[in-house]
Protein backbone atom coordinates (compact mmCIF):
# COMPACT_ATOMS: atom_id res chain seq x y z
CA UNK A 1 103.05 22.15 34.40
CA UNK A 2 106.75 21.94 35.26
CA UNK A 3 109.10 22.87 32.44
CA UNK A 4 111.32 19.78 32.73
CA UNK A 5 111.26 16.50 34.64
CA UNK A 6 114.44 14.93 36.00
CA UNK A 7 114.35 11.22 36.87
CA UNK A 8 117.14 10.23 39.24
CA UNK A 9 117.57 6.46 38.82
CA UNK A 10 120.09 5.76 41.58
CA UNK A 11 121.96 3.38 41.58
CA UNK A 12 121.86 2.10 45.10
CA UNK A 13 124.94 3.01 47.14
CA UNK A 14 125.83 6.02 44.99
CA UNK A 15 124.80 8.84 47.30
CA UNK A 16 121.07 8.70 46.53
CA UNK A 17 120.05 9.33 50.14
CA UNK A 18 122.24 12.44 50.28
CA UNK A 19 120.67 13.76 47.06
CA UNK A 20 117.19 13.05 48.40
CA UNK A 21 117.97 14.70 51.72
CA UNK A 22 119.14 17.85 49.92
CA UNK A 23 115.90 17.93 47.92
CA UNK A 24 113.60 17.25 50.88
CA UNK A 25 115.32 19.79 53.13
CA UNK A 26 115.65 22.29 50.28
CA UNK A 27 119.30 22.51 51.24
CA UNK A 28 120.23 24.44 48.12
CA UNK A 29 120.11 27.98 46.80
CA UNK A 30 119.47 28.44 43.09
CA UNK A 31 118.86 32.12 42.24
CA UNK A 32 115.73 32.65 40.15
CA UNK A 33 114.94 28.94 39.75
CA UNK A 34 112.21 26.90 41.40
CA UNK A 35 112.60 23.16 41.92
CA UNK A 36 109.71 20.86 42.81
CA UNK A 37 110.43 17.63 44.69
CA UNK A 38 107.03 15.97 45.20
CA UNK A 39 107.69 13.89 48.29
CA UNK A 40 109.07 13.73 51.80
CA UNK A 41 111.62 11.00 51.18
CA UNK A 42 112.40 8.90 48.09
CA UNK A 43 110.03 7.64 45.40
CA UNK A 44 110.75 3.94 45.71
CA UNK A 45 107.03 3.35 46.26
CA UNK A 46 106.57 4.23 42.58
CA UNK A 47 109.17 1.69 41.56
CA UNK A 48 107.66 -1.03 43.72
CA UNK A 49 104.49 -0.69 41.64
CA UNK A 50 106.63 -1.49 38.59
CA UNK A 51 108.62 -4.44 39.93
CA UNK A 52 106.51 -6.19 42.57
CA UNK A 53 103.47 -8.11 41.45
CA UNK A 54 101.82 -7.53 44.82
CA UNK A 55 102.05 -3.77 44.17
CA UNK A 56 100.99 -3.69 40.51
CA UNK A 57 97.45 -2.67 41.48
CA UNK A 58 98.84 0.50 43.10
CA UNK A 59 100.61 1.69 39.96
CA UNK A 60 97.91 3.99 38.62
CA UNK A 61 97.19 5.55 42.01
CA UNK A 62 100.85 6.15 42.79
CA UNK A 63 101.81 7.61 39.43
CA UNK A 64 98.72 9.77 39.10
CA UNK A 65 99.31 11.25 42.57
CA UNK A 66 102.80 12.39 41.56
CA UNK A 67 101.52 13.61 38.19
CA UNK A 68 98.98 15.88 39.87
CA UNK A 69 101.76 17.63 41.76
CA UNK A 70 103.95 17.93 38.67
CA UNK A 71 101.11 19.20 36.48
CA UNK A 72 99.96 21.84 38.97
CA UNK A 73 103.42 23.33 39.45
CA UNK A 74 105.09 26.06 37.40
CA UNK A 75 108.56 25.10 38.66
CA UNK A 76 111.42 25.03 36.21
CA UNK A 77 112.32 21.50 37.29
CA UNK A 78 110.43 18.61 38.83
CA UNK A 79 112.54 15.81 40.26
CA UNK A 80 111.68 12.18 40.99
CA UNK A 81 114.35 10.17 42.78
CA UNK A 82 114.34 6.42 43.48
CA UNK A 83 117.44 4.26 43.72
CA UNK A 84 115.29 1.15 43.26
CA UNK A 85 114.98 2.04 39.59
CA UNK A 86 118.10 -0.12 39.52
CA UNK A 87 115.74 -3.11 39.55
CA UNK A 88 113.13 -1.76 37.11
CA UNK A 89 112.62 -2.51 33.43
CA UNK A 90 112.97 0.75 31.45
CA UNK A 91 110.42 -0.49 28.90
CA UNK A 92 107.80 -0.90 31.62
CA UNK A 93 108.67 2.50 33.05
CA UNK A 94 108.40 4.16 29.63
CA UNK A 95 104.95 2.65 29.05
CA UNK A 96 103.84 3.77 32.50
CA UNK A 97 105.01 7.33 31.85
CA UNK A 98 103.08 7.46 28.59
CA UNK A 99 99.94 6.17 30.29
CA UNK A 100 99.92 8.12 33.56
CA UNK A 101 102.22 11.10 32.95
CA UNK A 102 100.89 12.37 29.59
CA UNK A 103 103.07 14.96 27.92
CA UNK A 104 106.03 14.46 30.26
CA UNK A 105 108.13 11.92 28.36
CA UNK A 106 109.36 14.57 25.94
CA UNK A 107 110.19 16.80 28.92
CA UNK A 108 112.18 14.11 30.73
CA UNK A 109 115.87 13.65 31.35
CA UNK A 110 117.17 10.65 33.26
CA UNK A 111 120.42 10.25 35.17
CA UNK A 112 122.02 7.31 36.94
CA UNK A 113 125.29 6.97 38.83
CA UNK A 114 127.37 3.82 38.61
CA UNK A 115 129.84 2.70 41.28
CA UNK A 116 133.04 0.77 40.45
CA UNK A 117 132.49 -2.95 40.71
CA UNK A 118 134.60 -3.78 43.76
CA UNK A 119 133.28 -0.79 45.69
CA UNK A 120 129.71 -1.80 44.86
CA UNK A 121 130.42 -5.31 46.12
CA UNK A 122 131.63 -3.94 49.45
CA UNK A 123 128.81 -1.45 49.89
CA UNK A 124 126.12 -3.93 48.81
CA UNK A 125 127.37 -6.58 51.21
CA UNK A 126 127.37 -4.06 54.07
CA UNK A 127 123.88 -2.87 53.16
CA UNK A 128 122.48 -6.39 53.07
CA UNK A 129 124.04 -7.24 56.41
CA UNK A 130 122.43 -4.07 57.79
CA UNK A 131 119.02 -5.07 56.45
CA UNK A 132 119.32 -8.69 57.53
CA UNK A 133 119.23 -9.98 53.95
CA UNK A 134 122.52 -11.87 54.01
CA UNK A 135 124.16 -14.12 56.62
CA UNK A 136 126.97 -15.48 54.45
CA UNK A 137 130.61 -14.39 54.25
CA UNK A 138 131.81 -11.72 51.85
CA UNK A 139 133.47 -14.44 49.80
CA UNK A 140 130.21 -16.36 49.42
CA UNK A 141 128.36 -13.13 48.68
CA UNK A 142 130.77 -12.38 45.83
CA UNK A 143 130.23 -15.83 44.35
CA UNK A 144 126.48 -15.38 44.40
CA UNK A 145 126.62 -11.92 42.84
CA UNK A 146 129.10 -13.10 40.22
CA UNK A 147 126.94 -16.02 39.14
CA UNK A 148 123.77 -13.89 39.01
CA UNK A 149 125.32 -11.19 36.80
CA UNK A 150 123.92 -8.49 39.11
CA UNK A 151 127.00 -6.32 38.58
CA UNK A 152 127.26 -6.72 34.85
CA UNK A 153 126.46 -3.06 34.25
CA UNK A 154 126.64 -2.74 30.47
CA UNK A 155 123.45 -4.66 29.53
CA UNK A 156 121.33 -2.86 32.11
CA UNK A 157 122.43 0.68 31.34
CA UNK A 158 122.44 0.04 27.60
CA UNK A 159 118.77 -0.88 27.88
CA UNK A 160 117.96 2.46 29.53
CA UNK A 161 119.77 4.23 26.71
CA UNK A 162 118.03 2.13 24.08
CA UNK A 163 114.64 3.15 25.49
CA UNK A 164 115.32 6.82 26.23
CA UNK A 165 118.16 7.67 23.86
CA UNK A 166 120.22 10.75 24.63
CA UNK A 167 117.75 11.73 27.37
CA UNK A 168 119.56 9.16 29.51
CA UNK A 169 122.90 10.08 31.10
CA UNK A 170 125.22 7.78 33.06
CA UNK A 171 127.67 9.34 35.51
CA UNK A 172 130.60 7.50 37.14
CA UNK A 173 130.40 7.49 40.93
CA UNK A 174 134.11 8.20 41.17
CA UNK A 175 135.20 11.16 43.28
CA UNK A 176 137.69 12.48 40.71
CA UNK A 177 134.97 12.47 38.03
CA UNK A 178 132.30 14.25 40.10
CA UNK A 179 131.86 18.02 40.14
CA UNK A 180 133.83 19.22 43.18
CA UNK A 181 134.24 15.57 44.12
CA UNK A 182 130.69 15.49 45.50
CA UNK A 183 127.67 13.61 44.17
CA UNK A 184 125.10 16.14 45.42
CA UNK A 185 126.91 18.99 43.70
CA UNK A 186 127.35 16.83 40.61
CA UNK A 187 123.63 16.05 40.53
CA UNK A 188 122.59 19.70 40.76
CA UNK A 189 125.10 20.56 38.05
CA UNK A 190 123.44 17.93 35.85
CA UNK A 191 119.96 19.25 36.59
CA UNK A 192 120.70 22.93 36.09
CA UNK A 193 123.40 22.78 33.45
CA UNK A 194 125.48 25.38 35.32
CA UNK A 195 127.21 25.88 38.66
CA UNK A 196 125.42 29.03 39.81
CA UNK A 197 124.02 27.34 42.91
CA UNK A 198 125.05 26.50 46.44
CA UNK A 199 124.42 23.51 48.68
CA UNK A 200 123.40 25.17 51.93
CA UNK A 201 123.16 22.31 54.44
CA UNK A 202 124.83 19.13 55.64
CA UNK A 203 123.21 16.39 53.61
CA UNK A 204 125.76 13.56 53.61
CA UNK A 205 124.07 10.31 54.62
CA UNK A 206 124.71 6.57 54.92
CA UNK A 207 128.42 6.59 55.71
CA UNK A 208 130.00 3.15 55.49
CA UNK A 209 129.77 1.01 58.60
CA UNK A 210 132.72 -0.36 60.53
CA UNK A 211 133.31 -4.06 61.07
CA UNK A 212 132.15 -3.85 64.72
CA UNK A 213 128.95 -2.09 63.64
CA UNK A 214 128.29 -4.70 60.96
CA UNK A 215 128.94 -7.46 63.50
CA UNK A 216 126.49 -5.90 65.94
CA UNK A 217 123.77 -5.57 63.30
CA UNK A 218 124.37 -9.14 62.17
CA UNK A 219 124.00 -10.36 65.76
CA UNK A 220 120.67 -8.58 66.05
CA UNK A 221 119.41 -10.03 62.78
CA UNK A 222 120.62 -13.51 63.72
CA UNK A 223 118.40 -13.36 66.81
CA UNK A 224 115.45 -12.20 64.69
CA UNK A 225 116.05 -14.87 62.05
CA UNK A 226 116.27 -17.66 64.62
CA UNK A 227 113.07 -16.55 66.31
CA UNK A 228 111.22 -16.32 63.01
CA UNK A 229 112.45 -19.77 61.98
CA UNK A 230 110.99 -21.18 65.19
CA UNK A 231 107.54 -19.71 64.44
CA UNK A 232 105.89 -21.57 61.53
CA UNK A 233 102.90 -19.19 61.47
CA UNK A 234 104.95 -16.17 60.40
CA UNK A 235 104.66 -14.92 56.80
CA UNK A 236 108.17 -14.92 55.38
CA UNK A 237 107.29 -12.27 52.78
CA UNK A 238 106.13 -9.70 55.30
CA UNK A 239 109.06 -10.56 57.57
CA UNK A 240 111.53 -9.61 54.83
CA UNK A 241 110.33 -6.00 54.62
CA UNK A 242 109.85 -5.67 58.38
CA UNK A 243 113.40 -6.81 59.12
CA UNK A 244 114.75 -4.38 56.55
CA UNK A 245 112.86 -1.50 58.20
CA UNK A 246 114.17 -2.59 61.57
CA UNK A 247 117.74 -2.74 60.22
CA UNK A 248 117.56 0.83 58.92
CA UNK A 249 116.33 2.16 62.26
CA UNK A 250 118.83 0.13 64.23
CA UNK A 251 121.66 1.37 62.01
CA UNK A 252 120.80 4.99 62.76
CA UNK A 253 120.73 4.38 66.51
CA UNK A 254 124.01 2.45 66.42
CA UNK A 255 125.65 5.34 64.59
CA UNK A 256 124.12 7.96 66.91
CA UNK A 257 125.32 6.13 70.02
CA UNK A 258 128.82 5.78 68.52
CA UNK A 259 128.83 2.02 69.00
CA UNK A 260 131.81 0.43 67.27
CA UNK A 261 132.86 3.57 65.46
CA UNK A 262 136.57 3.01 66.14
CA UNK A 263 136.81 -0.21 64.16
CA UNK A 264 138.14 -0.84 60.66
CA UNK A 265 135.96 -0.61 57.58
CA UNK A 266 135.17 -3.62 55.42
CA UNK A 267 137.72 -4.14 52.65
CA UNK A 268 138.30 -6.69 49.91
CA UNK A 269 140.26 -9.68 51.23
CA UNK A 270 143.63 -9.64 49.52
CA UNK A 271 143.19 -13.16 48.19
CA UNK A 272 140.08 -12.10 46.25
CA UNK A 273 141.50 -9.21 44.24
CA UNK A 274 142.44 -11.29 41.20
CA UNK A 275 139.06 -13.04 41.08
CA UNK A 276 137.14 -9.77 41.28
CA UNK A 277 139.35 -8.05 38.74
CA UNK A 278 139.13 -10.96 36.31
CA UNK A 279 135.35 -11.15 36.70
CA UNK A 280 134.60 -7.46 36.05
CA UNK A 281 137.47 -6.05 33.94
CA UNK A 282 135.63 -6.70 30.67
CA UNK A 283 132.40 -5.06 31.86
CA UNK A 284 134.32 -2.05 33.20
CA UNK A 285 136.13 -1.57 29.89
CA UNK A 286 132.93 -1.96 27.87
CA UNK A 287 131.08 0.54 30.05
CA UNK A 288 133.91 3.05 29.68
CA UNK A 289 133.88 2.64 25.90
CA UNK A 290 130.12 3.03 25.59
CA UNK A 291 129.36 5.79 28.09
CA UNK A 292 132.46 7.78 29.10
CA UNK A 293 135.16 9.80 27.41
CA UNK A 294 137.80 8.54 29.83
CA UNK A 295 138.18 5.18 31.62
CA UNK A 296 136.85 5.82 35.14
CA UNK A 297 135.53 2.30 35.72
CA UNK A 298 138.64 0.52 34.47
CA UNK A 299 140.94 2.92 36.30
CA UNK A 300 139.05 2.39 39.56
CA UNK A 301 139.14 -1.39 39.22
CA UNK A 302 142.87 -1.28 38.49
CA UNK A 303 143.30 0.45 41.87
CA UNK A 304 141.46 -2.25 43.82
CA UNK A 305 144.50 -2.67 46.08
CA UNK A 306 143.52 0.60 47.79
CA UNK A 307 140.41 -1.20 49.06
CA UNK A 308 142.20 -4.42 49.99
CA UNK A 309 143.44 -5.88 53.26
CA UNK A 310 145.43 -8.92 54.33
CA UNK A 311 143.99 -8.72 57.85
CA UNK A 312 141.25 -11.00 59.11
CA UNK A 313 137.83 -9.29 59.08
CA UNK A 314 135.58 -10.85 61.67
CA UNK A 315 131.83 -10.23 61.69
CA UNK A 316 131.41 -11.91 65.07
CA UNK A 317 130.17 -9.40 67.66
CA UNK A 318 131.99 -11.36 70.40
CA UNK A 319 135.28 -10.12 68.92
CA UNK A 320 134.39 -6.46 69.51
CA UNK A 321 131.98 -6.02 72.42
CA UNK A 322 131.90 -6.90 76.11
CA UNK A 323 129.58 -9.72 77.23
CA UNK A 324 127.46 -7.23 79.21
CA UNK A 325 126.84 -5.16 76.09
CA UNK A 326 125.92 -8.22 74.05
CA UNK A 327 123.57 -9.43 76.79
CA UNK A 328 121.63 -6.17 76.57
CA UNK A 329 121.62 -6.41 72.78
CA UNK A 330 120.28 -9.97 73.01
CA UNK A 331 117.41 -8.91 75.27
CA UNK A 332 116.53 -6.03 72.97
CA UNK A 333 116.70 -8.23 69.86
CA UNK A 334 114.42 -10.85 71.40
CA UNK A 335 111.92 -8.16 72.38
CA UNK A 336 111.93 -6.79 68.84
CA UNK A 337 111.60 -10.30 67.43
CA UNK A 338 108.48 -10.95 69.48
CA UNK A 339 106.91 -7.71 68.25
CA UNK A 340 107.88 -8.41 64.65
CA UNK A 341 106.43 -11.92 64.66
CA UNK A 342 103.19 -10.73 66.24
CA UNK A 343 102.43 -8.27 63.44
CA UNK A 344 105.14 -7.76 60.77
CA UNK A 345 103.26 -5.06 58.86
CA UNK A 346 102.54 -2.99 61.94
CA UNK A 347 106.13 -3.47 63.07
CA UNK A 348 107.34 -2.15 59.71
CA UNK A 349 105.08 0.91 59.97
CA UNK A 350 106.24 1.62 63.51
CA UNK A 351 109.89 1.24 62.55
CA UNK A 352 109.40 3.62 59.63
CA UNK A 353 107.66 6.15 61.89
CA UNK A 354 110.44 5.99 64.46
CA UNK A 355 113.00 6.51 61.72
CA UNK A 356 111.19 9.61 60.40
CA UNK A 357 111.03 11.10 63.91
CA UNK A 358 114.63 10.21 64.62
CA UNK A 359 116.14 11.37 61.33
CA UNK A 360 117.41 14.95 61.12
CA UNK A 361 114.82 17.40 59.79
């Protein structure tokens, strides 16, 4: 059995992919210490069995499979990492651990990273455009998020602490607060409790997209969405996951081909700074008071102007690319749409396979 289990809870858009890449590639050197990472990617499949009713029946199988690897290892540390824990109920997770990972709850430590509110808004909007999950403007996206309380951090993280006590740690995803200004280094420092280690490879992933890149991805997803809307036989549930898989693959190819890399990054429209600050100042202050010695969340929000622009930020691909380029994109998108509609689940599997082959090893 491993000596200690580390649960990395995310959040989304806080460097989770970079942490997972370091673990999968074993891109670290820790003298005299063995680390077990039981997987070839992330562990979001575990979380899906906690949060999706359609996947509840897989819970025992998924958790027992990971437990077998953890129980057979003599490593000092076992690590499970899934940013989708952001959407999980800690009470349900605790009960699942007690049922399928016997003896591990008392060996567990849990860590999550939290991104300042305005930065999370920007990164979440970009991510959802990439995955085809949002077609609205940033302004409309903010209104929806604000009304849903998705970014009210204090209640969610307080619940994790209530369930797991001092075994739960929250870290601010703020460069000045991270060890060496790097989340991967910060994570290994948390795991090991010392800095006698070295990150040995390039593991940075998921750099923020430019406006032209976002516009190109949106154009592709618009074609897919229109085609799906015209086909009444298509299962909307399966389409959701298939489009997300397609968006991830497409994003990697867009970045590799350097399409739109010279454009500006998405920023907060200047006219929205007061609304965002007013909406989240109280939550930032409360989180600082409850979880941190300093005020990283409030300080970051007070510097929102650094992430603000008065310039227009178009997400129309016509504003960035030549007609010939967009014509090719349109043909490709229609071809992908036909394949996706024909068999969404197979399309998702193929997209995932292509991404694994394409991604750096």
